[in-house]
PDB file of N, CA and C in Angstrom:
ATOM      1  N   MET A   1    -124.646 -38.229 126.793  1.00  0.00           N
ATOM      2  CA  MET A   1    -123.540 -38.977 127.373  1.00  0.00           C
ATOM      3  C   MET A   1    -122.394 -39.035 126.360  1.00  0.00           C
ATOM      4  N   PRO A   2    -121.154 -38.839 126.820  1.00  0.00           N
ATOM      5  CA  PRO A   2    -120.006 -38.947 125.917  1.00  0.00           C
ATOM      6  C   PRO A   2    -119.923 -40.336 125.288  1.00  0.00           C
ATOM      7  N   ASP A   3    -119.249 -40.400 124.166  1.00  0.00           N
ATOM      8  CA  ASP A   3    -119.090 -41.651 123.436  1.00  0.00           C
ATOM      9  C   ASP A   3    -117.849 -42.388 123.931  1.00  0.00           C
ATOM     10  N   TYR A   4    -118.045 -43.347 124.817  1.00  0.00           N
ATOM     11  CA  TYR A   4    -116.941 -44.134 125.359  1.00  0.00           C
ATOM     12  C   TYR A   4    -116.827 -45.449 124.596  1.00  0.00           C
ATOM     13  N   THR A   5    -115.590 -45.900 124.420  1.00  0.00           N
ATOM     14  CA  THR A   5    -115.351 -47.229 123.865  1.00  0.00           C
ATOM     15  C   THR A   5    -114.384 -47.952 124.782  1.00  0.00           C
ATOM     16  N   PHE A   6    -114.423 -49.284 124.725  1.00  0.00           N
ATOM     17  CA  PHE A   6    -113.581 -50.115 125.570  1.00  0.00           C
ATOM     18  C   PHE A   6    -112.658 -50.956 124.698  1.00  0.00           C
ATOM     19  N   GLU A   7    -111.408 -51.028 125.102  1.00  0.00           N
ATOM     20  CA  GLU A   7    -110.401 -51.791 124.379  1.00  0.00           C
ATOM     21  C   GLU A   7    -109.787 -52.800 125.354  1.00  0.00           C
ATOM     22  N   ARG A   8    -110.041 -54.083 125.121  1.00  0.00           N
ATOM     23  CA  ARG A   8    -109.539 -55.099 126.052  1.00  0.00           C
ATOM     24  C   ARG A   8    -108.014 -55.174 125.972  1.00  0.00           C
ATOM     25  N   GLN A   9    -107.377 -55.142 127.145  1.00  0.00           N
ATOM     26  CA  GLN A   9    -105.930 -55.227 127.245  1.00  0.00           C
ATOM     27  C   GLN A   9    -105.474 -56.592 127.737  1.00  0.00           C
ATOM     28  N   ALA A  10    -106.277 -57.206 128.589  1.00  0.00           N
ATOM     29  CA  ALA A  10    -105.906 -58.509 129.157  1.00  0.00           C
ATOM     30  C   ALA A  10    -107.165 -59.257 129.543  1.00  0.00           C
ATOM     31  N   ARG A  11    -107.037 -60.590 129.551  1.00  0.00           N
ATOM     32  CA  ARG A  11    -108.176 -61.430 129.936  1.00  0.00           C
ATOM     33  C   ARG A  11    -107.656 -62.720 130.546  1.00  0.00           C
ATOM     34  N   THR A  12    -108.271 -63.106 131.647  1.00  0.00           N
ATOM     35  CA  THR A  12    -108.035 -64.410 132.264  1.00  0.00           C
ATOM     36  C   THR A  12    -109.400 -65.076 132.379  1.00  0.00           C
ATOM     37  N   PRO A  13    -109.463 -66.317 132.877  1.00  0.00           N
ATOM     38  CA  PRO A  13    -110.788 -66.936 133.008  1.00  0.00           C
ATOM     39  C   PRO A  13    -111.756 -66.154 133.907  1.00  0.00           C
ATOM     40  N   PHE A  14    -111.227 -65.343 134.834  1.00  0.00           N
ATOM     41  CA  PHE A  14    -112.109 -64.660 135.784  1.00  0.00           C
ATOM     42  C   PHE A  14    -111.865 -63.161 135.905  1.00  0.00           C
ATOM     43  N   SER A  15    -111.124 -62.580 134.955  1.00  0.00           N
ATOM     44  CA  SER A  15    -110.903 -61.141 135.019  1.00  0.00           C
ATOM     45  C   SER A  15    -110.606 -60.580 133.631  1.00  0.00           C
ATOM     46  N   GLU A  16    -110.794 -59.277 133.523  1.00  0.00           N
ATOM     47  CA  GLU A  16    -110.500 -58.560 132.286  1.00  0.00           C
ATOM     48  C   GLU A  16    -110.010 -57.165 132.647  1.00  0.00           C
ATOM     49  N   VAL A  17    -109.171 -56.611 131.765  1.00  0.00           N
ATOM     50  CA  VAL A  17    -108.709 -55.229 131.891  1.00  0.00           C
ATOM     51  C   VAL A  17    -109.048 -54.524 130.580  1.00  0.00           C
ATOM     52  N   HIS A  18    -109.705 -53.380 130.689  1.00  0.00           N
ATOM     53  CA  HIS A  18    -110.095 -52.615 129.510  1.00  0.00           C
ATOM     54  C   HIS A  18    -109.607 -51.177 129.635  1.00  0.00           C
ATOM     55  N   THR A  19    -109.026 -50.653 128.559  1.00  0.00           N
ATOM     56  CA  THR A  19    -108.748 -49.230 128.457  1.00  0.00           C
ATOM     57  C   THR A  19    -110.047 -48.558 128.040  1.00  0.00           C
ATOM     58  N   ILE A  20    -110.324 -47.411 128.639  1.00  0.00           N
ATOM     59  CA  ILE A  20    -111.520 -46.644 128.294  1.00  0.00           C
ATOM     60  C   ILE A  20    -111.078 -45.476 127.423  1.00  0.00           C
ATOM     61  N   ARG A  21    -111.720 -45.342 126.271  1.00  0.00           N
ATOM     62  CA  ARG A  21    -111.386 -44.269 125.340  1.00  0.00           C
ATOM     63  C   ARG A  21    -112.606 -43.388 125.105  1.00  0.00           C
ATOM     64  N   GLN A  22    -112.309 -42.119 124.910  1.00  0.00           N
ATOM     65  CA  GLN A  22    -113.330 -41.148 124.531  1.00  0.00           C
ATOM     66  C   GLN A  22    -112.749 -40.368 123.356  1.00  0.00           C
ATOM     67  N   ASP A  23    -113.367 -40.488 122.201  1.00  0.00           N
ATOM     68  CA  ASP A  23    -112.872 -39.821 120.989  1.00  0.00           C
ATOM     69  C   ASP A  23    -111.399 -40.160 120.737  1.00  0.00           C
ATOM     70  N   ASP A  24    -111.053 -41.433 120.792  1.00  0.00           N
ATOM     71  CA  ASP A  24    -109.702 -41.946 120.548  1.00  0.00           C
ATOM     72  C   ASP A  24    -108.662 -41.495 121.570  1.00  0.00           C
ATOM     73  N   GLU A  25    -109.065 -40.863 122.653  1.00  0.00           N
ATOM     74  CA  GLU A  25    -108.149 -40.474 123.722  1.00  0.00           C
ATOM     75  C   GLU A  25    -108.350 -41.421 124.902  1.00  0.00           C
ATOM     76  N   LYS A  26    -107.257 -41.980 125.430  1.00  0.00           N
ATOM     77  CA  LYS A  26    -107.358 -42.825 126.616  1.00  0.00           C
ATOM     78  C   LYS A  26    -107.722 -41.944 127.797  1.00  0.00           C
ATOM     79  N   ILE A  27    -108.846 -42.274 128.436  1.00  0.00           N
ATOM     80  CA  ILE A  27    -109.268 -41.472 129.586  1.00  0.00           C
ATOM     81  C   ILE A  27    -109.328 -42.283 130.873  1.00  0.00           C
ATOM     82  N   GLY A  28    -109.169 -43.602 130.779  1.00  0.00           N
ATOM     83  CA  GLY A  28    -109.236 -44.381 131.998  1.00  0.00           C
ATOM     84  C   GLY A  28    -109.057 -45.859 131.761  1.00  0.00           C
ATOM     85  N   GLN A  29    -109.333 -46.606 132.806  1.00  0.00           N
ATOM     86  CA  GLN A  29    -109.184 -48.063 132.755  1.00  0.00           C
ATOM     87  C   GLN A  29    -110.184 -48.687 133.717  1.00  0.00           C
ATOM     88  N   VAL A  30    -110.665 -49.860 133.350  1.00  0.00           N
ATOM     89  CA  VAL A  30    -111.522 -50.621 134.250  1.00  0.00           C
ATOM     90  C   VAL A  30    -110.988 -52.046 134.332  1.00  0.00           C
ATOM     91  N   ASP A  31    -110.822 -52.522 135.561  1.00  0.00           N
ATOM     92  CA  ASP A  31    -110.424 -53.901 135.835  1.00  0.00           C
ATOM     93  C   ASP A  31    -111.648 -54.619 136.376  1.00  0.00           C
ATOM     94  N   LEU A  32    -112.037 -55.706 135.735  1.00  0.00           N
ATOM     95  CA  LEU A  32    -113.209 -56.488 136.149  1.00  0.00           C
ATOM     96  C   LEU A  32    -112.764 -57.821 136.714  1.00  0.00           C
ATOM     97  N   HIS A  33    -113.367 -58.207 137.823  1.00  0.00           N
ATOM     98  CA  HIS A  33    -113.063 -59.488 138.465  1.00  0.00           C
ATOM     99  C   HIS A  33    -114.383 -60.207 138.728  1.00  0.00           C
ATOM    100  N   PHE A  34    -114.522 -61.377 138.105  1.00  0.00           N
ATOM    101  CA  PHE A  34    -115.767 -62.131 138.176  1.00  0.00           C
ATOM    102  C   PHE A  34    -115.656 -63.200 139.249  1.00  0.00           C
ATOM    103  N   GLY A  35    -116.484 -63.077 140.297  1.00  0.00           N
ATOM    104  CA  GLY A  35    -116.549 -64.092 141.338  1.00  0.00           C
ATOM    105  C   GLY A  35    -117.658 -65.079 141.019  1.00  0.00           C
ATOM    106  N   SER A  36    -117.995 -65.910 141.994  1.00  0.00           N
ATOM    107  CA  SER A  36    -119.017 -66.929 141.753  1.00  0.00           C
ATOM    108  C   SER A  36    -120.396 -66.310 141.516  1.00  0.00           C
ATOM    109  N   SER A  37    -120.701 -65.183 142.165  1.00  0.00           N
ATOM    110  CA  SER A  37    -121.989 -64.518 141.920  1.00  0.00           C
ATOM    111  C   SER A  37    -121.881 -63.001 141.975  1.00  0.00           C
ATOM    112  N   MET A  38    -120.670 -62.498 142.150  1.00  0.00           N
ATOM    113  CA  MET A  38    -120.443 -61.058 142.246  1.00  0.00           C
ATOM    114  C   MET A  38    -119.437 -60.645 141.184  1.00  0.00           C
ATOM    115  N   VAL A  39    -119.592 -59.434 140.705  1.00  0.00           N
ATOM    116  CA  VAL A  39    -118.602 -58.854 139.803  1.00  0.00           C
ATOM    117  C   VAL A  39    -118.062 -57.612 140.498  1.00  0.00           C
ATOM    118  N   TYR A  40    -116.740 -57.551 140.600  1.00  0.00           N
ATOM    119  CA  TYR A  40    -116.067 -56.414 141.218  1.00  0.00           C
ATOM    120  C   TYR A  40    -115.319 -55.654 140.137  1.00  0.00           C
ATOM    121  N   ALA A  41    -115.354 -54.333 140.214  1.00  0.00           N
ATOM    122  CA  ALA A  41    -114.637 -53.507 139.246  1.00  0.00           C
ATOM    123  C   ALA A  41    -113.839 -52.446 139.977  1.00  0.00           C
ATOM    124  N   THR A  42    -112.677 -52.148 139.428  1.00  0.00           N
ATOM    125  CA  THR A  42    -111.895 -50.995 139.847  1.00  0.00           C
ATOM    126  C   THR A  42    -111.858 -50.073 138.641  1.00  0.00           C
ATOM    127  N   LEU A  43    -112.395 -48.883 138.816  1.00  0.00           N
ATOM    128  CA  LEU A  43    -112.522 -47.921 137.722  1.00  0.00           C
ATOM    129  C   LEU A  43    -111.585 -46.751 137.990  1.00  0.00           C
ATOM    130  N   LEU A  44    -110.703 -46.481 137.034  1.00  0.00           N
ATOM    131  CA  LEU A  44    -109.744 -45.379 137.132  1.00  0.00           C
ATOM    132  C   LEU A  44    -110.124 -44.334 136.096  1.00  0.00           C
ATOM    133  N   VAL A  45    -110.451 -43.118 136.563  1.00  0.00           N
ATOM    134  CA  VAL A  45    -110.893 -42.056 135.661  1.00  0.00           C
ATOM    135  C   VAL A  45    -110.203 -40.741 136.026  1.00  0.00           C
ATOM    136  N   PRO A  46    -110.183 -39.780 135.088  1.00  0.00           N
ATOM    137  CA  PRO A  46    -109.566 -38.491 135.382  1.00  0.00           C
ATOM    138  C   PRO A  46    -110.402 -37.670 136.360  1.00  0.00           C
ATOM    139  N   GLU A  47    -109.756 -36.730 137.015  1.00  0.00           N
ATOM    140  CA  GLU A  47    -110.426 -35.893 138.011  1.00  0.00           C
ATOM    141  C   GLU A  47    -111.525 -35.031 137.409  1.00  0.00           C
ATOM    142  N   ARG A  48    -111.436 -34.743 136.128  1.00  0.00           N
ATOM    143  CA  ARG A  48    -112.405 -33.829 135.503  1.00  0.00           C
ATOM    144  C   ARG A  48    -113.796 -34.434 135.350  1.00  0.00           C
ATOM    145  N   LEU A  49    -113.937 -35.754 135.466  1.00  0.00           N
ATOM    146  CA  LEU A  49    -115.256 -36.374 135.316  1.00  0.00           C
ATOM    147  C   LEU A  49    -116.141 -36.059 136.522  1.00  0.00           C
ATOM    148  N   THR A  50    -117.376 -35.702 136.238  1.00  0.00           N
ATOM    149  CA  THR A  50    -118.336 -35.429 137.310  1.00  0.00           C
ATOM    150  C   THR A  50    -118.917 -36.743 137.826  1.00  0.00           C
ATOM    151  N   GLU A  51    -119.614 -36.674 138.937  1.00  0.00           N
ATOM    152  CA  GLU A  51    -120.247 -37.879 139.484  1.00  0.00           C
ATOM    153  C   GLU A  51    -121.282 -38.435 138.507  1.00  0.00           C
ATOM    154  N   ASP A  52    -122.036 -37.564 137.859  1.00  0.00           N
ATOM    155  CA  ASP A  52    -123.019 -38.021 136.873  1.00  0.00           C
ATOM    156  C   ASP A  52    -122.341 -38.739 135.710  1.00  0.00           C
ATOM    157  N   GLU A  53    -121.219 -38.208 135.229  1.00  0.00           N
ATOM    158  CA  GLU A  53    -120.492 -38.852 134.140  1.00  0.00           C
ATOM    159  C   GLU A  53    -119.928 -40.207 134.573  1.00  0.00           C
ATOM    160  N   ILE A  54    -119.469 -40.291 135.815  1.00  0.00           N
ATOM    161  CA  ILE A  54    -118.965 -41.558 136.337  1.00  0.00           C
ATOM    162  C   ILE A  54    -120.100 -42.579 136.419  1.00  0.00           C
ATOM    163  N   MET A  55    -121.261 -42.147 136.886  1.00  0.00           N
ATOM    164  CA  MET A  55    -122.409 -43.065 136.981  1.00  0.00           C
ATOM    165  C   MET A  55    -122.828 -43.541 135.594  1.00  0.00           C
ATOM    166  N   ASP A  56    -122.811 -42.648 134.604  1.00  0.00           N
ATOM    167  CA  ASP A  56    -123.121 -43.045 133.232  1.00  0.00           C
ATOM    168  C   ASP A  56    -122.107 -44.066 132.730  1.00  0.00           C
ATOM    169  N   LEU A  57    -120.840 -43.855 133.056  1.00  0.00           N
ATOM    170  CA  LEU A  57    -119.790 -44.780 132.640  1.00  0.00           C
ATOM    171  C   LEU A  57    -119.946 -46.135 133.322  1.00  0.00           C
ATOM    172  N   VAL A  58    -120.289 -46.139 134.595  1.00  0.00           N
ATOM    173  CA  VAL A  58    -120.532 -47.400 135.313  1.00  0.00           C
ATOM    174  C   VAL A  58    -121.690 -48.152 134.668  1.00  0.00           C
ATOM    175  N   ASP A  59    -122.764 -47.442 134.330  1.00  0.00           N
ATOM    176  CA  ASP A  59    -123.903 -48.079 133.657  1.00  0.00           C
ATOM    177  C   ASP A  59    -123.476 -48.691 132.323  1.00  0.00           C
ATOM    178  N   LEU A  60    -122.657 -47.977 131.570  1.00  0.00           N
ATOM    179  CA  LEU A  60    -122.188 -48.480 130.279  1.00  0.00           C
ATOM    180  C   LEU A  60    -121.289 -49.703 130.443  1.00  0.00           C
ATOM    181  N   ILE A  61    -120.426 -49.682 131.448  1.00  0.00           N
ATOM    182  CA  ILE A  61    -119.569 -50.851 131.744  1.00  0.00           C
ATOM    183  C   ILE A  61    -120.446 -52.051 132.078  1.00  0.00           C
ATOM    184  N   ASP A  62    -121.468 -51.821 132.877  1.00  0.00           N
ATOM    185  CA  ASP A  62    -122.384 -52.898 133.244  1.00  0.00           C
ATOM    186  C   ASP A  62    -123.078 -53.461 131.998  1.00  0.00           C
ATOM    187  N   GLU A  63    -123.588 -52.588 131.143  1.00  0.00           N
ATOM    188  CA  GLU A  63    -124.312 -53.023 129.942  1.00  0.00           C
ATOM    189  C   GLU A  63    -123.401 -53.681 128.905  1.00  0.00           C
ATOM    190  N   ASP A  64    -122.246 -53.050 128.636  1.00  0.00           N
ATOM    191  CA  ASP A  64    -121.387 -53.498 127.528  1.00  0.00           C
ATOM    192  C   ASP A  64    -120.389 -54.589 127.903  1.00  0.00           C
ATOM    193  N   LEU A  65    -119.943 -54.632 129.152  1.00  0.00           N
ATOM    194  CA  LEU A  65    -118.897 -55.579 129.527  1.00  0.00           C
ATOM    195  C   LEU A  65    -119.359 -56.660 130.500  1.00  0.00           C
ATOM    196  N   VAL A  66    -120.116 -56.271 131.494  1.00  0.00           N
ATOM    197  CA  VAL A  66    -120.526 -57.235 132.522  1.00  0.00           C
ATOM    198  C   VAL A  66    -121.707 -58.071 132.054  1.00  0.00           C
ATOM    199  N   ALA A  67    -122.752 -57.421 131.586  1.00  0.00           N
ATOM    200  CA  ALA A  67    -123.971 -58.140 131.182  1.00  0.00           C
ATOM    201  C   ALA A  67    -123.737 -59.052 129.987  1.00  0.00           C
ATOM    202  N   THR A  68    -122.758 -58.717 129.142  1.00  0.00           N
ATOM    203  CA  THR A  68    -122.502 -59.533 127.957  1.00  0.00           C
ATOM    204  C   THR A  68    -121.572 -60.712 128.228  1.00  0.00           C
ATOM    205  N   SER A  69    -120.988 -60.750 129.436  1.00  0.00           N
ATOM    206  CA  SER A  69    -120.145 -61.899 129.776  1.00  0.00           C
ATOM    207  C   SER A  69    -121.045 -63.079 130.133  1.00  0.00           C
ATOM    208  N   ASP A  70    -120.489 -64.255 130.120  1.00  0.00           N
ATOM    209  CA  ASP A  70    -121.257 -65.452 130.459  1.00  0.00           C
ATOM    210  C   ASP A  70    -121.170 -65.799 131.945  1.00  0.00           C
ATOM    211  N   MET A  71    -120.771 -64.832 132.750  1.00  0.00           N
ATOM    212  CA  MET A  71    -120.595 -65.074 134.173  1.00  0.00           C
ATOM    213  C   MET A  71    -121.862 -64.675 134.934  1.00  0.00           C
ATOM    214  N   PRO A  72    -122.211 -65.431 135.982  1.00  0.00           N
ATOM    215  CA  PRO A  72    -123.385 -65.064 136.782  1.00  0.00           C
ATOM    216  C   PRO A  72    -123.134 -63.763 137.537  1.00  0.00           C
ATOM    217  N   ARG A  73    -124.210 -63.028 137.797  1.00  0.00           N
ATOM    218  CA  ARG A  73    -124.055 -61.733 138.457  1.00  0.00           C
ATOM    219  C   ARG A  73    -125.248 -61.437 139.355  1.00  0.00           C
ATOM    220  N   ASP A  74    -125.016 -61.516 140.669  1.00  0.00           N
ATOM    221  CA  ASP A  74    -126.041 -61.089 141.619  1.00  0.00           C
ATOM    222  C   ASP A  74    -125.857 -59.633 142.006  1.00  0.00           C
ATOM    223  N   ASP A  75    -124.605 -59.169 141.970  1.00  0.00           N
ATOM    224  CA  ASP A  75    -124.320 -57.780 142.313  1.00  0.00           C
ATOM    225  C   ASP A  75    -123.083 -57.317 141.551  1.00  0.00           C
ATOM    226  N   PHE A  76    -122.988 -56.021 141.336  1.00  0.00           N
ATOM    227  CA  PHE A  76    -121.868 -55.397 140.637  1.00  0.00           C
ATOM    228  C   PHE A  76    -121.348 -54.293 141.543  1.00  0.00           C
ATOM    229  N   VAL A  77    -120.147 -54.469 142.056  1.00  0.00           N
ATOM    230  CA  VAL A  77    -119.553 -53.531 143.008  1.00  0.00           C
ATOM    231  C   VAL A  77    -118.393 -52.818 142.315  1.00  0.00           C
ATOM    232  N   VAL A  78    -118.457 -51.486 142.271  1.00  0.00           N
ATOM    233  CA  VAL A  78    -117.443 -50.695 141.572  1.00  0.00           C
ATOM    234  C   VAL A  78    -116.754 -49.753 142.554  1.00  0.00           C
ATOM    235  N   THR A  79    -115.434 -49.821 142.586  1.00  0.00           N
ATOM    236  CA  THR A  79    -114.630 -48.872 143.347  1.00  0.00           C
ATOM    237  C   THR A  79    -114.011 -47.919 142.344  1.00  0.00           C
ATOM    238  N   VAL A  80    -114.201 -46.614 142.575  1.00  0.00           N
ATOM    239  CA  VAL A  80    -113.754 -45.599 141.610  1.00  0.00           C
ATOM    240  C   VAL A  80    -112.598 -44.804 142.204  1.00  0.00           C
ATOM    241  N   TYR A  81    -111.560 -44.639 141.392  1.00  0.00           N
ATOM    242  CA  TYR A  81    -110.427 -43.789 141.735  1.00  0.00           C
ATOM    243  C   TYR A  81    -110.335 -42.693 140.688  1.00  0.00           C
ATOM    244  N   GLN A  82    -110.209 -41.437 141.149  1.00  0.00           N
ATOM    245  CA  GLN A  82    -110.047 -40.320 140.231  1.00  0.00           C
ATOM    246  C   GLN A  82    -108.665 -39.720 140.430  1.00  0.00           C
ATOM    247  N   GLY A  83    -107.999 -39.465 139.330  1.00  0.00           N
ATOM    248  CA  GLY A  83    -106.663 -38.879 139.416  1.00  0.00           C
ATOM    249  C   GLY A  83    -106.038 -38.792 138.048  1.00  0.00           C
ATOM    250  N   ARG A  84    -104.716 -38.889 138.021  1.00  0.00           N
ATOM    251  CA  ARG A  84    -103.995 -38.809 136.760  1.00  0.00           C
ATOM    252  C   ARG A  84    -103.004 -39.957 136.678  1.00  0.00           C
ATOM    253  N   GLU A  85    -102.734 -40.367 135.462  1.00  0.00           N
ATOM    254  CA  GLU A  85    -101.762 -41.432 135.239  1.00  0.00           C
ATOM    255  C   GLU A  85    -100.370 -40.824 135.333  1.00  0.00           C
ATOM    256  N   THR A  86     -99.504 -41.458 136.101  1.00  0.00           N
ATOM    257  CA  THR A  86     -98.142 -40.949 136.234  1.00  0.00           C
ATOM    258  C   THR A  86     -97.135 -41.787 135.460  1.00  0.00           C
ATOM    259  N   GLY A  87     -97.545 -42.941 134.966  1.00  0.00           N
ATOM    260  CA  GLY A  87     -96.651 -43.762 134.161  1.00  0.00           C
ATOM    261  C   GLY A  87     -97.144 -45.181 134.048  1.00  0.00           C
ATOM    262  N   VAL A  88     -96.578 -45.880 133.088  1.00  0.00           N
ATOM    263  CA  VAL A  88     -96.839 -47.304 132.897  1.00  0.00           C
ATOM    264  C   VAL A  88     -95.476 -47.970 132.861  1.00  0.00           C
ATOM    265  N   TYR A  89     -95.262 -48.936 133.722  1.00  0.00           N
ATOM    266  CA  TYR A  89     -93.953 -49.559 133.850  1.00  0.00           C
ATOM    267  C   TYR A  89     -94.044 -51.042 133.528  1.00  0.00           C
ATOM    268  N   SER A  90     -93.007 -51.561 132.878  1.00  0.00           N
ATOM    269  CA  SER A  90     -92.976 -52.974 132.528  1.00  0.00           C
ATOM    270  C   SER A  90     -91.533 -53.447 132.535  1.00  0.00           C
ATOM    271  N   ASP A  91     -91.327 -54.746 132.366  1.00  0.00           N
ATOM    272  CA  ASP A  91     -89.977 -55.289 132.290  1.00  0.00           C
ATOM    273  C   ASP A  91     -89.198 -54.636 131.159  1.00  0.00           C
ATOM    274  N   GLU A  92     -89.870 -54.328 130.050  1.00  0.00           N
ATOM    275  CA  GLU A  92     -89.215 -53.695 128.915  1.00  0.00           C
ATOM    276  C   GLU A  92     -88.611 -52.346 129.311  1.00  0.00           C
ATOM    277  N   VAL A  93     -89.344 -51.548 130.067  1.00  0.00           N
ATOM    278  CA  VAL A  93     -88.861 -50.248 130.511  1.00  0.00           C
ATOM    279  C   VAL A  93     -87.665 -50.425 131.430  1.00  0.00           C
ATOM    280  N   PHE A  94     -87.782 -51.347 132.392  1.00  0.00           N
ATOM    281  CA  PHE A  94     -86.684 -51.562 133.325  1.00  0.00           C
ATOM    282  C   PHE A  94     -85.457 -52.107 132.605  1.00  0.00           C
ATOM    283  N   GLY A  95     -85.652 -52.955 131.609  1.00  0.00           N
ATOM    284  CA  GLY A  95     -84.534 -53.490 130.831  1.00  0.00           C
ATOM    285  C   GLY A  95     -83.802 -52.392 130.084  1.00  0.00           C
ATOM    286  N   GLU A  96     -84.541 -51.426 129.519  1.00  0.00           N
ATOM    287  CA  GLU A  96     -83.932 -50.306 128.803  1.00  0.00           C
ATOM    288  C   GLU A  96     -83.133 -49.440 129.755  1.00  0.00           C
ATOM    289  N   GLU A  97     -83.648 -49.202 130.967  1.00  0.00           N
ATOM    290  CA  GLU A  97     -82.936 -48.389 131.951  1.00  0.00           C
ATOM    291  C   GLU A  97     -81.629 -49.061 132.362  1.00  0.00           C
ATOM    292  N   GLU A  98     -81.666 -50.375 132.563  1.00  0.00           N
ATOM    293  CA  GLU A  98     -80.458 -51.100 132.946  1.00  0.00           C
ATOM    294  C   GLU A  98     -79.409 -51.023 131.847  1.00  0.00           C
ATOM    295  N   LEU A  99     -79.826 -51.134 130.580  1.00  0.00           N
ATOM    296  CA  LEU A  99     -78.886 -51.027 129.462  1.00  0.00           C
ATOM    297  C   LEU A  99     -78.258 -49.644 129.408  1.00  0.00           C
ATOM    298  N   GLU A 100     -79.063 -48.603 129.620  1.00  0.00           N
ATOM    299  CA  GLU A 100     -78.537 -47.238 129.603  1.00  0.00           C
ATOM    300  C   GLU A 100     -77.531 -47.031 130.726  1.00  0.00           C
ATOM    301  N   GLU A 101     -77.817 -47.582 131.922  1.00  0.00           N
ATOM    302  CA  GLU A 101     -76.903 -47.456 133.053  1.00  0.00           C
ATOM    303  C   GLU A 101     -75.591 -48.182 132.752  1.00  0.00           C
ATOM    304  N   GLU A 102     -75.661 -49.361 132.149  1.00  0.00           N
ATOM    305  CA  GLU A 102     -74.457 -50.118 131.810  1.00  0.00           C
ATOM    306  C   GLU A 102     -73.628 -49.366 130.776  1.00  0.00           C
ATOM    307  N   GLU A 103     -74.280 -48.729 129.807  1.00  0.00           N
ATOM    308  CA  GLU A 103     -73.576 -47.984 128.776  1.00  0.00           C
ATOM    309  C   GLU A 103     -72.874 -46.754 129.338  1.00  0.00           C
ATOM    310  N   GLU A 104     -73.457 -46.151 130.391  1.00  0.00           N
ATOM    311  CA  GLU A 104     -72.879 -44.956 131.004  1.00  0.00           C
ATOM    312  C   GLU A 104     -71.638 -45.299 131.826  1.00  0.00           C
ATOM    313  N   GLU A 105     -71.545 -46.520 132.302  1.00  0.00           N
ATOM    314  CA  GLU A 105     -70.409 -46.923 133.164  1.00  0.00           C
ATOM    315  C   GLU A 105     -69.170 -47.121 132.419  1.00  0.00           C
TER     316      GLU A 105
END
């Protein structure tokens, strides 16, 4: 199994966002949402991952992130999306674009 690591990006009382890295390369993201007895995950991975690799990654997420939390868990439901990242947008990016547009005028 490839060597995956998780880097927490955000945390609330009932959710977490982790970047997934393989050999220091960002390869995906997992968003975890902890309910009263269920844990829901949205897993974003590249198209090149096989189903077996995805299942191994889900098992690792369960062992390293879900099982180690202090939240109860009767079931773990994972929705997987495969594709490519097209961008990351934030207020900072939009603010820079607005400044550039103002400077051009």
